Structures are given as C-alpha cells and as structure tokens.
C-alpha atoms as a PDB file:
ATOM      1  CA  UNK A   1      24.097 -13.106  -1.913  1.00  0.00           C
ATOM      2  CA  UNK A   2      20.769 -12.735  -3.246  1.00  0.00           C
ATOM      3  CA  UNK A   3      17.947  -9.903  -3.765  1.00  0.00           C
ATOM      4  CA  UNK A   4      15.484  -9.855  -1.115  1.00  0.00           C
ATOM      5  CA  UNK A   5      12.624  -7.237  -2.680  1.00  0.00           C
ATOM      6  CA  UNK A   6      11.545  -4.516  -0.479  1.00  0.00           C
ATOM      7  CA  UNK A   7       7.415  -4.422  -0.683  1.00  0.00           C
ATOM      8  CA  UNK A   8       5.185  -2.502  -0.286  1.00  0.00           C
ATOM      9  CA  UNK A   9       1.170  -3.246   0.221  1.00  0.00           C
ATOM     10  CA  UNK A  10      -1.243  -0.484   0.026  1.00  0.00           C
ATOM     11  CA  UNK A  11      -5.213  -0.853   0.735  1.00  0.00           C
ATOM     12  CA  UNK A  12      -7.571   1.133   2.990  1.00  0.00           C
ATOM     13  CA  UNK A  13      -7.988  -0.338   6.874  1.00  0.00           C
ATOM     14  CA  UNK A  14     -10.917  -2.675   6.431  1.00  0.00           C
ATOM     15  CA  UNK A  15      -8.207  -4.974   3.467  1.00  0.00           C
ATOM     16  CA  UNK A  16      -5.968  -5.462   6.586  1.00  0.00           C
ATOM     17  CA  UNK A  17      -6.820  -9.181   6.951  1.00  0.00           C
ATOM     18  CA  UNK A  18      -6.273  -9.667   2.960  1.00  0.00           C
ATOM     19  CA  UNK A  19      -3.356  -7.465   3.408  1.00  0.00           C
ATOM     20  CA  UNK A  20      -1.931  -9.569   6.056  1.00  0.00           C
ATOM     21  CA  UNK A  21      -2.266 -12.348   4.209  1.00  0.00           C
ATOM     22  CA  UNK A  22       0.133 -11.461   1.708  1.00  0.00           C
ATOM     23  CA  UNK A  23       2.795  -9.546   3.852  1.00  0.00           C
ATOM     24  CA  UNK A  24       2.635 -13.517   5.594  1.00  0.00           C
ATOM     25  CA  UNK A  25       3.534 -15.082   2.306  1.00  0.00           C
ATOM     26  CA  UNK A  26       6.232 -12.806   0.905  1.00  0.00           C
ATOM     27  CA  UNK A  27       7.406 -12.993   4.326  1.00  0.00           C
ATOM     28  CA  UNK A  28       7.687 -17.130   4.038  1.00  0.00           C
ATOM     29  CA  UNK A  29       9.223 -16.842   0.487  1.00  0.00           C
ATOM     30  CA  UNK A  30      12.076 -14.222   2.275  1.00  0.00           C
ATOM     31  CA  UNK A  31      10.993 -10.517   0.936  1.00  0.00           C
ATOM     32  CA  UNK A  32      10.553  -7.744   2.946  1.00  0.00           C
ATOM     33  CA  UNK A  33       7.225  -6.131   3.321  1.00  0.00           C
ATOM     34  CA  UNK A  34       6.323  -2.852   4.137  1.00  0.00           C
ATOM     35  CA  UNK A  35       3.089  -1.624   5.431  1.00  0.00           C
ATOM     36  CA  UNK A  36       1.855   2.223   6.746  1.00  0.00           C
ATOM     37  CA  UNK A  37       1.041   1.645   9.871  1.00  0.00           C
ATOM     38  CA  UNK A  38       3.998  -0.906  10.579  1.00  0.00           C
ATOM     39  CA  UNK A  39       6.904   0.527   9.116  1.00  0.00           C
ATOM     40  CA  UNK A  40       5.857   4.035   8.280  1.00  0.00           C
ATOM     41  CA  UNK A  41       5.272   7.002  10.586  1.00  0.00           C
ATOM     42  CA  UNK A  42       2.070   7.610  11.934  1.00  0.00           C
ATOM     43  CA  UNK A  43       0.770  10.831  11.148  1.00  0.00           C
ATOM     44  CA  UNK A  44      -1.884  12.224   8.560  1.00  0.00           C
ATOM     45  CA  UNK A  45       1.142  15.255   7.486  1.00  0.00           C
ATOM     46  CA  UNK A  46       1.582  14.535   3.980  1.00  0.00           C
ATOM     47  CA  UNK A  47       5.181  15.788   4.684  1.00  0.00           C
ATOM     48  CA  UNK A  48       5.906  13.062   6.706  1.00  0.00           C
ATOM     49  CA  UNK A  49       4.430   9.717   6.129  1.00  0.00           C
ATOM     50  CA  UNK A  50       4.553   8.008   3.191  1.00  0.00           C
ATOM     51  CA  UNK A  51       8.235   8.193   2.842  1.00  0.00           C
ATOM     52  CA  UNK A  52       9.624   4.860   2.728  1.00  0.00           C
ATOM     53  CA  UNK A  53       6.906   3.601  -0.110  1.00  0.00           C
ATOM     54  CA  UNK A  54       9.745   5.442  -2.513  1.00  0.00           C
ATOM     55  CA  UNK A  55      12.016   2.754  -1.484  1.00  0.00           C
ATOM     56  CA  UNK A  56      10.249  -0.193  -2.506  1.00  0.00           C
ATOM     57  CA  UNK A  57      10.880  -2.620  -5.148  1.00  0.00           C
ATOM     58  CA  UNK A  58       7.467  -3.051  -6.335  1.00  0.00           C
ATOM     59  CA  UNK A  59       3.929  -1.916  -4.560  1.00  0.00           C
ATOM     60  CA  UNK A  60       0.972  -4.066  -4.390  1.00  0.00           C
ATOM     61  CA  UNK A  61      -1.876  -2.271  -4.398  1.00  0.00           C
ATOM     62  CA  UNK A  62      -5.294  -3.659  -3.558  1.00  0.00           C
ATOM     63  CA  UNK A  63      -8.711  -1.983  -4.226  1.00  0.00           C
ATOM     64  CA  UNK A  64     -12.314  -2.721  -2.955  1.00  0.00           C
ATOM     65  CA  UNK A  65     -14.830  -0.005  -2.521  1.00  0.00           C
ATOM     66  CA  UNK A  66     -13.647   2.223  -0.055  1.00  0.00           C
ATOM     67  CA  UNK A  67     -11.492   5.285  -0.875  1.00  0.00           C
ATOM     68  CA  UNK A  68      -9.986   5.534   2.678  1.00  0.00           C
ATOM     69  CA  UNK A  69     -10.094   8.379   4.855  1.00  0.00           C
ATOM     70  CA  UNK A  70      -9.283  11.830   3.761  1.00  0.00           C
ATOM     71  CA  UNK A  71      -6.149  14.137   5.080  1.00  0.00           C
ATOM     72  CA  UNK A  72      -4.901  16.773   5.414  1.00  0.00           C
ATOM     73  CA  UNK A  73      -4.083  17.305   1.432  1.00  0.00           C
ATOM     74  CA  UNK A  74      -8.346  16.400   0.822  1.00  0.00           C
ATOM     75  CA  UNK A  75      -7.682  12.944  -0.490  1.00  0.00           C
ATOM     76  CA  UNK A  76      -7.258   9.556   0.776  1.00  0.00           C
ATOM     77  CA  UNK A  77      -3.698   8.374   2.461  1.00  0.00           C
ATOM     78  CA  UNK A  78      -4.270   5.183  -0.692  1.00  0.00           C
ATOM     79  CA  UNK A  79      -4.352   7.711  -2.908  1.00  0.00           C
ATOM     80  CA  UNK A  80      -1.595   9.734  -1.527  1.00  0.00           C
ATOM     81  CA  UNK A  81       0.227   6.258  -1.685  1.00  0.00           C
ATOM     82  CA  UNK A  82      -0.888   5.975  -5.543  1.00  0.00           C
ATOM     83  CA  UNK A  83       0.326   9.834  -6.310  1.00  0.00           C
ATOM     84  CA  UNK A  84       3.805   8.851  -4.541  1.00  0.00           C
ATOM     85  CA  UNK A  85       4.588   6.330  -7.098  1.00  0.00           C
ATOM     86  CA  UNK A  86       2.740   7.126  -9.774  1.00  0.00           C
ATOM     87  CA  UNK A  87       5.111   8.591 -12.025  1.00  0.00           C
ATOM     88  CA  UNK A  88       8.472   7.008 -10.774  1.00  0.00           C
ATOM     89  CA  UNK A  89       9.869   3.400 -12.434  1.00  0.00           C
ATOM     90  CA  UNK A  90       8.709   1.639  -9.315  1.00  0.00           C
ATOM     91  CA  UNK A  91       6.693  -1.203 -10.554  1.00  0.00           C
ATOM     92  CA  UNK A  92       3.091  -1.289 -10.051  1.00  0.00           C
ATOM     93  CA  UNK A  93       0.711  -4.008  -9.318  1.00  0.00           C
ATOM     94  CA  UNK A  94      -3.042  -3.835  -8.435  1.00  0.00           C
ATOM     95  CA  UNK A  95      -5.398  -5.879  -7.621  1.00  0.00           C
ATOM     96  CA  UNK A  96      -9.081  -5.555  -7.302  1.00  0.00           C
ATOM     97  CA  UNK A  97     -11.077  -7.490  -4.549  1.00  0.00           C
ATOM     98  CA  UNK A  98     -14.771  -8.657  -6.351  1.00  0.00           C
ATOM     99  CA  UNK A  99     -17.719  -8.061  -4.430  1.00  0.00           C
ATOM    100  CA  UNK A 100     -21.062  -8.404  -5.398  1.00  0.00           C
ATOM    101  CA  UNK A 101     -21.932  -5.108  -4.229  1.00  0.00           C
ATOM    102  CA  UNK A 102     -23.193  -2.886  -7.350  1.00  0.00           C
ATOM    103  CA  UNK A 103     -21.448   0.167  -6.433  1.00  0.00           C
ATOM    104  CA  UNK A 104     -21.957   3.777  -8.084  1.00  0.00           C
END
C-alpha cells in the first residue's frame, strides 16, 4: 500500500489556470488534490466553508497581487484559508507569481 497525499491548492480566482496546471500535475503522479470550488462547500459563511483544508497533508499557496474577495469575516477567502492552517502542523508551501507590475 502506498501513501496518497491530499494536497490543498489555494489562490485567488485570477490564478485558476496556474492552479489547474498544478492540480493536473499532482493528479498525474497519484496525489489527491483539493480546490475550494471543486471540493469544499461553496459558501461565504465562515462556519461552513474551508473545513476540508484541515484534512490536507500539505497546502500550496499561490499569490500574486490580488487579495481576493472579502467574506463575512472581513478578510478574503484566501486569507481565511491561510489562517485556518497557520498554527497547525500541516506543511505550507508558498509561491509568488512574478510580475513586472509595480505595486505598493
């Protein structure tokens, strides 16, 4: 029997293409990938969504310049995902998409 890791992939929706490429790669090597829009309860209620992230073996975060959509908690969904696992033992991998734009 082999280990099939569960990988949660997080980013803002403007990075869906990159997230899909990462999902395709990990799926092709036998990992189970989890994305908010495909696996988790689609809701902006903080009590009902992004719970499955805590079942991940590791989380991949992809950031660029967007913060994401603000939810009822006053922060973005991606920020909520970050806070959900920030103080856990779940390994976190953070990648920043390079851009030529100058941002404050």
